[in-house]
Amino acid sequence: MPTDISGNPSIDLLGKQITELLAHPNIGHGLARTLRAAAKEIEVGRYHRATQRAFPNGPDEQPTKVQIGGGSHQLDGFFNIDLVPPADFLWDVREGIPLETGTVELLFTEHFLEHIDYPRSAKGFAREAFRVLSPGGQIITGVPDAAHVLSRYPAAPVEAEEMIGRWYAKRTCREDINTYLDLINYVFRDQDDDPSYTPHLWAYDAEKLSQLFTEAGFTTIEPWTFDAILANPKREWASVYVIATK
């Protein structure tokens, strides 16, 4: 890793070098993809370290309702923790949830879990959710429903086109997504190298979500009935939600 003038590892210097490499006209496609992913992680790391320095003991307040990874869909009355702005607290929850043990009554997250690696980060997140929740506290989690997609394979062309249109209508890669298997790849991989999106790293269904939270210590895991007051209405179709109780 590059070092600063004191000989210490420098993430900022590494980021600068990556930017320079990406601007080079002869860089190969494979290396460029890898470097773009690294650049995203460096950006996330900058926000995370800045928050660590500013709030070494965590947030000034100890919220009872917390949203994780809400992006632009921020819930009123919830304290939003996310990797990048906008958020109430910029933090990488792959490194833990920055809240005190047993202080949260409700955690809400949707279309976040599939973007972190499994098993390390996903299982770590479930354990951290269990830790910060008070007895009887709950976490609501929604993800793209792999079972929904797989159960329709192979799908009729009309159905495939409808589903592809729902999920890929605004994506720059839309013209390359033209079969139902492409749609399955969306759920499991979503690796179209679009800088506006973060790839999917793991797929889930109700059974897998239940197993994940059971292993973390939750006593009850049940299907959650979609409620547009909390959940993003755009996520209702082809998503699965569960509610786990500590």
C-alpha atoms as a PDB file:
ATOM      1  CA  MET A   1       0.000   0.000   0.000  1.00  0.00           C
ATOM      2  CA  PRO A   2       1.274   3.544  -0.686  1.00  0.00           C
ATOM      3  CA  THR A   3       2.655   5.381   2.351  1.00  0.00           C
ATOM      4  CA  ASP A   4       2.748   9.012   3.412  1.00  0.00           C
ATOM      5  CA  ILE A   5       5.932  10.963   4.177  1.00  0.00           C
ATOM      6  CA  SER A   6       6.043   9.327   7.609  1.00  0.00           C
ATOM      7  CA  GLY A   7       5.957   5.860   6.112  1.00  0.00           C
ATOM      8  CA  ASN A   8       2.386   5.166   7.274  1.00  0.00           C
ATOM      9  CA  PRO A   9      -0.129   3.486   4.934  1.00  0.00           C
ATOM     10  CA  SER A  10      -2.125   6.155   3.098  1.00  0.00           C
ATOM     11  CA  ILE A  11      -5.624   5.399   1.837  1.00  0.00           C
ATOM     12  CA  ASP A  12      -5.875   8.915   0.423  1.00  0.00           C
ATOM     13  CA  LEU A  13      -2.721   8.445  -1.622  1.00  0.00           C
ATOM     14  CA  LEU A  14      -3.989   5.096  -2.855  1.00  0.00           C
ATOM     15  CA  GLY A  15      -7.243   6.755  -3.913  1.00  0.00           C
ATOM     16  CA  LYS A  16      -5.335   9.414  -5.831  1.00  0.00           C
ATOM     17  CA  GLN A  17      -3.280   6.774  -7.614  1.00  0.00           C
ATOM     18  CA  ILE A  18      -6.416   4.819  -8.538  1.00  0.00           C
ATOM     19  CA  THR A  19      -7.957   7.965 -10.021  1.00  0.00           C
ATOM     20  CA  GLU A  20      -4.844   8.515 -12.102  1.00  0.00           C
ATOM     21  CA  LEU A  21      -4.799   4.902 -13.280  1.00  0.00           C
ATOM     22  CA  LEU A  22      -8.465   5.018 -14.284  1.00  0.00           C
ATOM     23  CA  ALA A  23      -7.749   8.069 -16.424  1.00  0.00           C
ATOM     24  CA  HIS A  24      -5.001   6.260 -18.314  1.00  0.00           C
ATOM     25  CA  PRO A  25      -6.125   5.455 -21.890  1.00  0.00           C
ATOM     26  CA  ASN A  26      -4.444   2.049 -21.958  1.00  0.00           C
ATOM     27  CA  ILE A  27      -5.890   0.584 -18.772  1.00  0.00           C
ATOM     28  CA  GLY A  28      -7.509  -2.818 -19.312  1.00  0.00           C
ATOM     29  CA  HIS A  29     -11.221  -3.366 -18.778  1.00  0.00           C
ATOM     30  CA  GLY A  30     -10.793  -5.979 -16.041  1.00  0.00           C
ATOM     31  CA  LEU A  31      -8.382  -3.878 -14.023  1.00  0.00           C
ATOM     32  CA  ALA A  32     -10.568  -0.797 -14.475  1.00  0.00           C
ATOM     33  CA  ARG A  33     -13.590  -2.633 -13.039  1.00  0.00           C
ATOM     34  CA  THR A  34     -11.555  -3.729 -10.037  1.00  0.00           C
ATOM     35  CA  LEU A  35     -10.198  -0.241  -9.459  1.00  0.00           C
ATOM     36  CA  ARG A  36     -13.654   1.341  -9.693  1.00  0.00           C
ATOM     37  CA  ALA A  37     -14.836  -1.044  -6.976  1.00  0.00           C
ATOM     38  CA  ALA A  38     -11.801  -0.163  -4.858  1.00  0.00           C
ATOM     39  CA  ALA A  39     -12.469   3.549  -5.370  1.00  0.00           C
ATOM     40  CA  LYS A  40     -16.002   3.092  -4.018  1.00  0.00           C
ATOM     41  CA  GLU A  41     -14.654   1.342  -0.926  1.00  0.00           C
ATOM     42  CA  ILE A  42     -12.125   4.128  -0.393  1.00  0.00           C
ATOM     43  CA  GLU A  43     -14.922   6.704  -0.542  1.00  0.00           C
ATOM     44  CA  VAL A  44     -16.957   4.717   1.988  1.00  0.00           C
ATOM     45  CA  GLY A  45     -13.886   4.398   4.192  1.00  0.00           C
ATOM     46  CA  ARG A  46     -13.339   8.164   4.168  1.00  0.00           C
ATOM     47  CA  TYR A  47     -16.866   8.819   5.417  1.00  0.00           C
ATOM     48  CA  HIS A  48     -16.549   6.075   8.027  1.00  0.00           C
ATOM     49  CA  ARG A  49     -13.225   7.339   9.399  1.00  0.00           C
ATOM     50  CA  ALA A  50     -14.442  10.946   9.453  1.00  0.00           C
ATOM     51  CA  THR A  51     -17.424   9.887  11.546  1.00  0.00           C
ATOM     52  CA  GLN A  52     -15.196   7.852  13.862  1.00  0.00           C
ATOM     53  CA  ARG A  53     -13.057  10.923  14.489  1.00  0.00           C
ATOM     54  CA  ALA A  54     -16.029  13.233  15.018  1.00  0.00           C
ATOM     55  CA  PHE A  55     -18.040  10.810  17.167  1.00  0.00           C
ATOM     56  CA  PRO A  56     -15.620   8.405  18.880  1.00  0.00           C
ATOM     57  CA  ASN A  57     -18.360   7.239  21.249  1.00  0.00           C
ATOM     58  CA  GLY A  58     -21.069   6.895  18.618  1.00  0.00           C
ATOM     59  CA  PRO A  59     -24.007   9.227  17.949  1.00  0.00           C
ATOM     60  CA  ASP A  60     -24.813  11.907  20.514  1.00  0.00           C
ATOM     61  CA  GLU A  61     -28.351  10.578  20.700  1.00  0.00           C
ATOM     62  CA  GLN A  62     -29.398   6.988  21.295  1.00  0.00           C
ATOM     63  CA  PRO A  63     -32.324   6.504  18.911  1.00  0.00           C
ATOM     64  CA  THR A  64     -35.001   3.888  19.489  1.00  0.00           C
ATOM     65  CA  LYS A  65     -36.062   3.638  15.834  1.00  0.00           C
ATOM     66  CA  VAL A  66     -33.265   3.127  13.327  1.00  0.00           C
ATOM     67  CA  GLN A  67     -33.171   2.748   9.547  1.00  0.00           C
ATOM     68  CA  ILE A  68     -30.125   1.102   7.983  1.00  0.00           C
ATOM     69  CA  GLY A  69     -29.116   1.884   4.404  1.00  0.00           C
ATOM     70  CA  GLY A  70     -32.158   3.918   3.425  1.00  0.00           C
ATOM     71  CA  GLY A  71     -30.484   5.873   0.645  1.00  0.00           C
ATOM     72  CA  SER A  72     -32.812   8.629  -0.531  1.00  0.00           C
ATOM     73  CA  HIS A  73     -35.846   6.861   1.001  1.00  0.00           C
ATOM     74  CA  GLN A  74     -35.462   8.132   4.560  1.00  0.00           C
ATOM     75  CA  LEU A  75     -38.196   7.423   7.065  1.00  0.00           C
ATOM     76  CA  ASP A  76     -39.658  10.170   9.243  1.00  0.00           C
ATOM     77  CA  GLY A  77     -38.993   9.537  12.905  1.00  0.00           C
ATOM     78  CA  PHE A  78     -36.137   7.110  12.199  1.00  0.00           C
ATOM     79  CA  PHE A  79     -32.420   7.657  12.704  1.00  0.00           C
ATOM     80  CA  ASN A  80     -30.813   6.770   9.383  1.00  0.00           C
ATOM     81  CA  ILE A  81     -27.390   5.114   9.241  1.00  0.00           C
ATOM     82  CA  ASP A  82     -25.842   4.708   5.803  1.00  0.00           C
ATOM     83  CA  LEU A  83     -22.523   4.394   3.990  1.00  0.00           C
ATOM     84  CA  VAL A  84     -22.820   7.653   2.074  1.00  0.00           C
ATOM     85  CA  PRO A  85     -24.960  10.817   2.178  1.00  0.00           C
ATOM     86  CA  PRO A  86     -27.737  11.557   2.718  1.00  0.00           C
ATOM     87  CA  ALA A  87     -27.920  10.051   6.210  1.00  0.00           C
ATOM     88  CA  ASP A  88     -28.095  11.121   9.834  1.00  0.00           C
ATOM     89  CA  PHE A  89     -24.940   9.143  10.572  1.00  0.00           C
ATOM     90  CA  LEU A  90     -22.384   8.071   7.967  1.00  0.00           C
ATOM     91  CA  TRP A  91     -21.147   4.635   8.982  1.00  0.00           C
ATOM     92  CA  ASP A  92     -20.167   1.314   7.443  1.00  0.00           C
ATOM     93  CA  VAL A  93     -22.270  -1.230   9.338  1.00  0.00           C
ATOM     94  CA  ARG A  94     -20.043  -4.013   8.039  1.00  0.00           C
ATOM     95  CA  GLU A  95     -17.845  -2.772  10.899  1.00  0.00           C
ATOM     96  CA  GLY A  96     -20.677  -2.987  13.433  1.00  0.00           C
ATOM     97  CA  ILE A  97     -23.696  -0.885  14.372  1.00  0.00           C
ATOM     98  CA  PRO A  98     -22.535   2.214  16.314  1.00  0.00           C
ATOM     99  CA  LEU A  99     -25.224   2.059  18.997  1.00  0.00           C
ATOM    100  CA  GLU A 100     -25.292   0.911  22.605  1.00  0.00           C
ATOM    101  CA  THR A 101     -26.443  -2.586  23.507  1.00  0.00           C
ATOM    102  CA  GLY A 102     -30.170  -3.070  24.126  1.00  0.00           C
ATOM    103  CA  THR A 103     -31.265   0.468  23.262  1.00  0.00           C
ATOM    104  CA  VAL A 104     -33.190   0.138  19.981  1.00  0.00           C
ATOM    105  CA  GLU A 105     -36.853  -0.832  19.717  1.00  0.00           C
ATOM    106  CA  LEU A 106     -37.160  -1.104  15.937  1.00  0.00           C
ATOM    107  CA  LEU A 107     -34.674  -1.543  13.097  1.00  0.00           C
ATOM    108  CA  PHE A 108     -35.785  -1.227   9.480  1.00  0.00           C
ATOM    109  CA  THR A 109     -33.834  -2.075   6.354  1.00  0.00           C
ATOM    110  CA  GLU A 110     -34.843  -2.925   2.796  1.00  0.00           C
ATOM    111  CA  HIS A 111     -32.805  -3.823  -0.276  1.00  0.00           C
ATOM    112  CA  PHE A 112     -29.623  -3.413   1.722  1.00  0.00           C
ATOM    113  CA  LEU A 113     -28.668  -6.891   2.908  1.00  0.00           C
ATOM    114  CA  GLU A 114     -28.087  -8.259  -0.610  1.00  0.00           C
ATOM    115  CA  HIS A 115     -25.409  -5.603  -1.143  1.00  0.00           C
ATOM    116  CA  ILE A 116     -23.065  -6.817   1.606  1.00  0.00           C
ATOM    117  CA  ASP A 117     -20.949  -9.953   1.510  1.00  0.00           C
ATOM    118  CA  TYR A 118     -22.137 -13.250   2.951  1.00  0.00           C
ATOM    119  CA  PRO A 119     -21.322 -14.831   5.330  1.00  0.00           C
ATOM    120  CA  ARG A 120     -18.983 -12.447   7.171  1.00  0.00           C
ATOM    121  CA  SER A 121     -20.791  -9.127   6.831  1.00  0.00           C
ATOM    122  CA  ALA A 122     -24.371 -10.432   6.577  1.00  0.00           C
ATOM    123  CA  LYS A 123     -24.048 -12.652   9.644  1.00  0.00           C
ATOM    124  CA  GLY A 124     -22.161  -9.927  11.470  1.00  0.00           C
ATOM    125  CA  PHE A 125     -24.963  -7.470  10.724  1.00  0.00           C
ATOM    126  CA  ALA A 126     -27.607  -9.883  12.040  1.00  0.00           C
ATOM    127  CA  ARG A 127     -25.634 -10.394  15.263  1.00  0.00           C
ATOM    128  CA  GLU A 128     -25.171  -6.650  15.688  1.00  0.00           C
ATOM    129  CA  ALA A 129     -28.891  -6.066  15.127  1.00  0.00           C
ATOM    130  CA  PHE A 130     -29.616  -8.575  17.880  1.00  0.00           C
ATOM    131  CA  ARG A 131     -27.133  -6.837  20.183  1.00  0.00           C
ATOM    132  CA  VAL A 132     -28.487  -3.292  19.833  1.00  0.00           C
ATOM    133  CA  LEU A 133     -32.167  -4.273  20.081  1.00  0.00           C
ATOM    134  CA  SER A 134     -33.863  -4.197  23.457  1.00  0.00           C
ATOM    135  CA  PRO A 135     -35.692  -7.333  24.688  1.00  0.00           C
ATOM    136  CA  GLY A 136     -38.787  -7.637  22.505  1.00  0.00           C
ATOM    137  CA  GLY A 137     -37.243  -5.309  19.933  1.00  0.00           C
ATOM    138  CA  GLN A 138     -37.721  -6.086  16.257  1.00  0.00           C
ATOM    139  CA  ILE A 139     -35.938  -5.817  12.928  1.00  0.00           C
ATOM    140  CA  ILE A 140     -37.835  -5.628   9.636  1.00  0.00           C
ATOM    141  CA  THR A 141     -35.778  -6.695   6.633  1.00  0.00           C
ATOM    142  CA  GLY A 142     -36.724  -6.692   2.951  1.00  0.00           C
ATOM    143  CA  VAL A 143     -34.723  -8.027   0.004  1.00  0.00           C
ATOM    144  CA  PRO A 144     -35.314  -9.041  -3.626  1.00  0.00           C
ATOM    145  CA  ASP A 145     -37.131 -12.379  -3.445  1.00  0.00           C
ATOM    146  CA  ALA A 146     -34.985 -15.037  -5.102  1.00  0.00           C
ATOM    147  CA  ALA A 147     -37.762 -17.614  -4.697  1.00  0.00           C
ATOM    148  CA  HIS A 148     -40.169 -15.401  -6.652  1.00  0.00           C
ATOM    149  CA  VAL A 149     -37.779 -15.171  -9.578  1.00  0.00           C
ATOM    150  CA  LEU A 150     -36.604 -18.779  -9.584  1.00  0.00           C
ATOM    151  CA  SER A 151     -40.142 -20.176  -9.373  1.00  0.00           C
ATOM    152  CA  ARG A 152     -40.985 -18.622 -12.742  1.00  0.00           C
ATOM    153  CA  TYR A 153     -38.015 -19.990 -14.655  1.00  0.00           C
ATOM    154  CA  PRO A 154     -38.266 -20.601 -17.536  1.00  0.00           C
ATOM    155  CA  ALA A 155     -40.814 -17.836 -17.971  1.00  0.00           C
ATOM    156  CA  ALA A 156     -42.929 -17.048 -20.996  1.00  0.00           C
ATOM    157  CA  PRO A 157     -41.416 -14.238 -23.104  1.00  0.00           C
ATOM    158  CA  VAL A 158     -44.235 -11.831 -22.215  1.00  0.00           C
ATOM    159  CA  GLU A 159     -43.758 -12.353 -18.478  1.00  0.00           C
ATOM    160  CA  ALA A 160     -39.991 -12.129 -18.803  1.00  0.00           C
ATOM    161  CA  GLU A 161     -40.250  -8.834 -20.672  1.00  0.00           C
ATOM    162  CA  GLU A 162     -42.608  -7.400 -18.046  1.00  0.00           C
ATOM    163  CA  MET A 163     -40.319  -8.349 -15.157  1.00  0.00           C
ATOM    164  CA  ILE A 164     -37.192  -7.119 -16.925  1.00  0.00           C
ATOM    165  CA  GLY A 165     -38.941  -3.820 -17.607  1.00  0.00           C
ATOM    166  CA  ARG A 166     -39.901  -3.422 -13.950  1.00  0.00           C
ATOM    167  CA  TRP A 167     -36.366  -3.950 -12.665  1.00  0.00           C
ATOM    168  CA  TYR A 168     -34.172  -2.654 -15.464  1.00  0.00           C
ATOM    169  CA  ALA A 169     -36.153   0.168 -17.061  1.00  0.00           C
ATOM    170  CA  LYS A 170     -33.795   2.892 -15.811  1.00  0.00           C
ATOM    171  CA  ARG A 171     -30.520   1.004 -16.127  1.00  0.00           C
ATOM    172  CA  THR A 172     -27.900   1.827 -18.729  1.00  0.00           C
ATOM    173  CA  CYS A 173     -27.472  -1.904 -19.369  1.00  0.00           C
ATOM    174  CA  ARG A 174     -31.143  -2.381 -20.328  1.00  0.00           C
ATOM    175  CA  GLU A 175     -30.415  -3.344 -23.945  1.00  0.00           C
ATOM    176  CA  ASP A 176     -28.174  -6.189 -22.757  1.00  0.00           C
ATOM    177  CA  ILE A 177     -30.825  -7.682 -20.457  1.00  0.00           C
ATOM    178  CA  ASN A 178     -33.176  -9.610 -22.718  1.00  0.00           C
ATOM    179  CA  THR A 179     -33.798 -13.109 -21.324  1.00  0.00           C
ATOM    180  CA  TYR A 180     -35.261 -14.439 -18.111  1.00  0.00           C
ATOM    181  CA  LEU A 181     -31.886 -15.838 -17.101  1.00  0.00           C
ATOM    182  CA  ASP A 182     -30.546 -12.289 -17.283  1.00  0.00           C
ATOM    183  CA  LEU A 183     -33.205 -11.376 -14.742  1.00  0.00           C
ATOM    184  CA  ILE A 184     -32.079 -14.195 -12.438  1.00  0.00           C
ATOM    185  CA  ASN A 185     -28.552 -12.865 -12.733  1.00  0.00           C
ATOM    186  CA  TYR A 186     -29.893  -9.481 -11.614  1.00  0.00           C
ATOM    187  CA  VAL A 187     -31.068 -10.945  -8.325  1.00  0.00           C
ATOM    188  CA  PHE A 188     -27.949 -12.996  -7.667  1.00  0.00           C
ATOM    189  CA  ARG A 189     -25.226 -10.797  -9.166  1.00  0.00           C
ATOM    190  CA  ASP A 190     -26.316  -7.423 -10.578  1.00  0.00           C
ATOM    191  CA  GLN A 191     -22.757  -6.747 -11.768  1.00  0.00           C
ATOM    192  CA  ASP A 192     -23.315  -4.375 -14.676  1.00  0.00           C
ATOM    193  CA  ASP A 193     -20.451  -2.063 -13.634  1.00  0.00           C
ATOM    194  CA  ASP A 194     -22.763   0.939 -13.369  1.00  0.00           C
ATOM    195  CA  PRO A 195     -21.217   3.524 -11.004  1.00  0.00           C
ATOM    196  CA  SER A 196     -24.700   4.547  -9.860  1.00  0.00           C
ATOM    197  CA  TYR A 197     -25.418   1.136  -8.336  1.00  0.00           C
ATOM    198  CA  THR A 198     -23.823  -1.231  -5.848  1.00  0.00           C
ATOM    199  CA  PRO A 199     -23.689  -4.893  -6.927  1.00  0.00           C
ATOM    200  CA  HIS A 200     -25.757  -7.648  -5.364  1.00  0.00           C
ATOM    201  CA  LEU A 201     -23.485 -10.062  -3.523  1.00  0.00           C
ATOM    202  CA  TRP A 202     -25.950 -12.668  -2.214  1.00  0.00           C
ATOM    203  CA  ALA A 203     -29.535 -13.742  -2.871  1.00  0.00           C
ATOM    204  CA  TYR A 204     -32.165 -14.421  -0.211  1.00  0.00           C
ATOM    205  CA  ASP A 205     -35.599 -15.921   0.209  1.00  0.00           C
ATOM    206  CA  ALA A 206     -37.836 -16.185   3.280  1.00  0.00           C
ATOM    207  CA  GLU A 207     -36.151 -19.400   4.410  1.00  0.00           C
ATOM    208  CA  LYS A 208     -32.652 -17.927   4.205  1.00  0.00           C
ATOM    209  CA  LEU A 209     -33.661 -14.767   6.052  1.00  0.00           C
ATOM    210  CA  SER A 210     -35.251 -16.885   8.776  1.00  0.00           C
ATOM    211  CA  GLN A 211     -32.115 -19.003   9.112  1.00  0.00           C
ATOM    212  CA  LEU A 212     -29.892 -15.915   9.230  1.00  0.00           C
ATOM    213  CA  PHE A 213     -31.794 -14.264  12.069  1.00  0.00           C
ATOM    214  CA  THR A 214     -32.386 -17.505  13.962  1.00  0.00           C
ATOM    215  CA  GLU A 215     -28.647 -18.151  13.999  1.00  0.00           C
ATOM    216  CA  ALA A 216     -28.124 -14.618  15.339  1.00  0.00           C
ATOM    217  CA  GLY A 217     -30.342 -15.393  18.332  1.00  0.00           C
ATOM    218  CA  PHE A 218     -33.785 -14.064  17.404  1.00  0.00           C
ATOM    219  CA  THR A 219     -36.655 -16.044  18.921  1.00  0.00           C
ATOM    220  CA  THR A 220     -39.376 -15.366  16.365  1.00  0.00           C
ATOM    221  CA  ILE A 221     -39.102 -14.721  12.628  1.00  0.00           C
ATOM    222  CA  GLU A 222     -42.325 -14.150  10.703  1.00  0.00           C
ATOM    223  CA  PRO A 223     -43.414 -12.789   7.313  1.00  0.00           C
ATOM    224  CA  TRP A 224     -43.953  -9.040   7.415  1.00  0.00           C
ATOM    225  CA  THR A 225     -47.015  -7.633   5.689  1.00  0.00           C
ATOM    226  CA  PHE A 226     -45.935  -4.863   3.337  1.00  0.00           C
ATOM    227  CA  ASP A 227     -46.743  -1.418   4.724  1.00  0.00           C
ATOM    228  CA  ALA A 228     -46.076   1.550   2.446  1.00  0.00           C
ATOM    229  CA  ILE A 229     -45.824   3.848   5.479  1.00  0.00           C
ATOM    230  CA  LEU A 230     -42.452   2.242   6.173  1.00  0.00           C
ATOM    231  CA  ALA A 231     -41.412   0.407   3.031  1.00  0.00           C
ATOM    232  CA  ASN A 232     -40.698   1.998  -0.316  1.00  0.00           C
ATOM    233  CA  PRO A 233     -43.763   1.385  -2.536  1.00  0.00           C
ATOM    234  CA  LYS A 234     -41.398   0.680  -5.442  1.00  0.00           C
ATOM    235  CA  ARG A 235     -40.062  -2.323  -3.509  1.00  0.00           C
ATOM    236  CA  GLU A 236     -43.332  -4.160  -2.920  1.00  0.00           C
ATOM    237  CA  TRP A 237     -43.245  -6.158  -6.144  1.00  0.00           C
ATOM    238  CA  ALA A 238     -40.976  -9.237  -6.072  1.00  0.00           C
ATOM    239  CA  SER A 239     -39.553  -8.511  -2.625  1.00  0.00           C
ATOM    240  CA  VAL A 240     -39.741 -10.595   0.535  1.00  0.00           C
ATOM    241  CA  TYR A 241     -39.893  -9.087   4.028  1.00  0.00           C
ATOM    242  CA  VAL A 242     -39.551 -10.692   7.437  1.00  0.00           C
ATOM    243  CA  ILE A 243     -39.823  -9.333  10.963  1.00  0.00           C
ATOM    244  CA  ALA A 244     -37.548 -10.852  13.597  1.00  0.00           C
ATOM    245  CA  THR A 245     -38.134 -10.400  17.325  1.00  0.00           C
ATOM    246  CA  LYS A 246     -35.480 -10.524  20.024  1.00  0.00           C
END
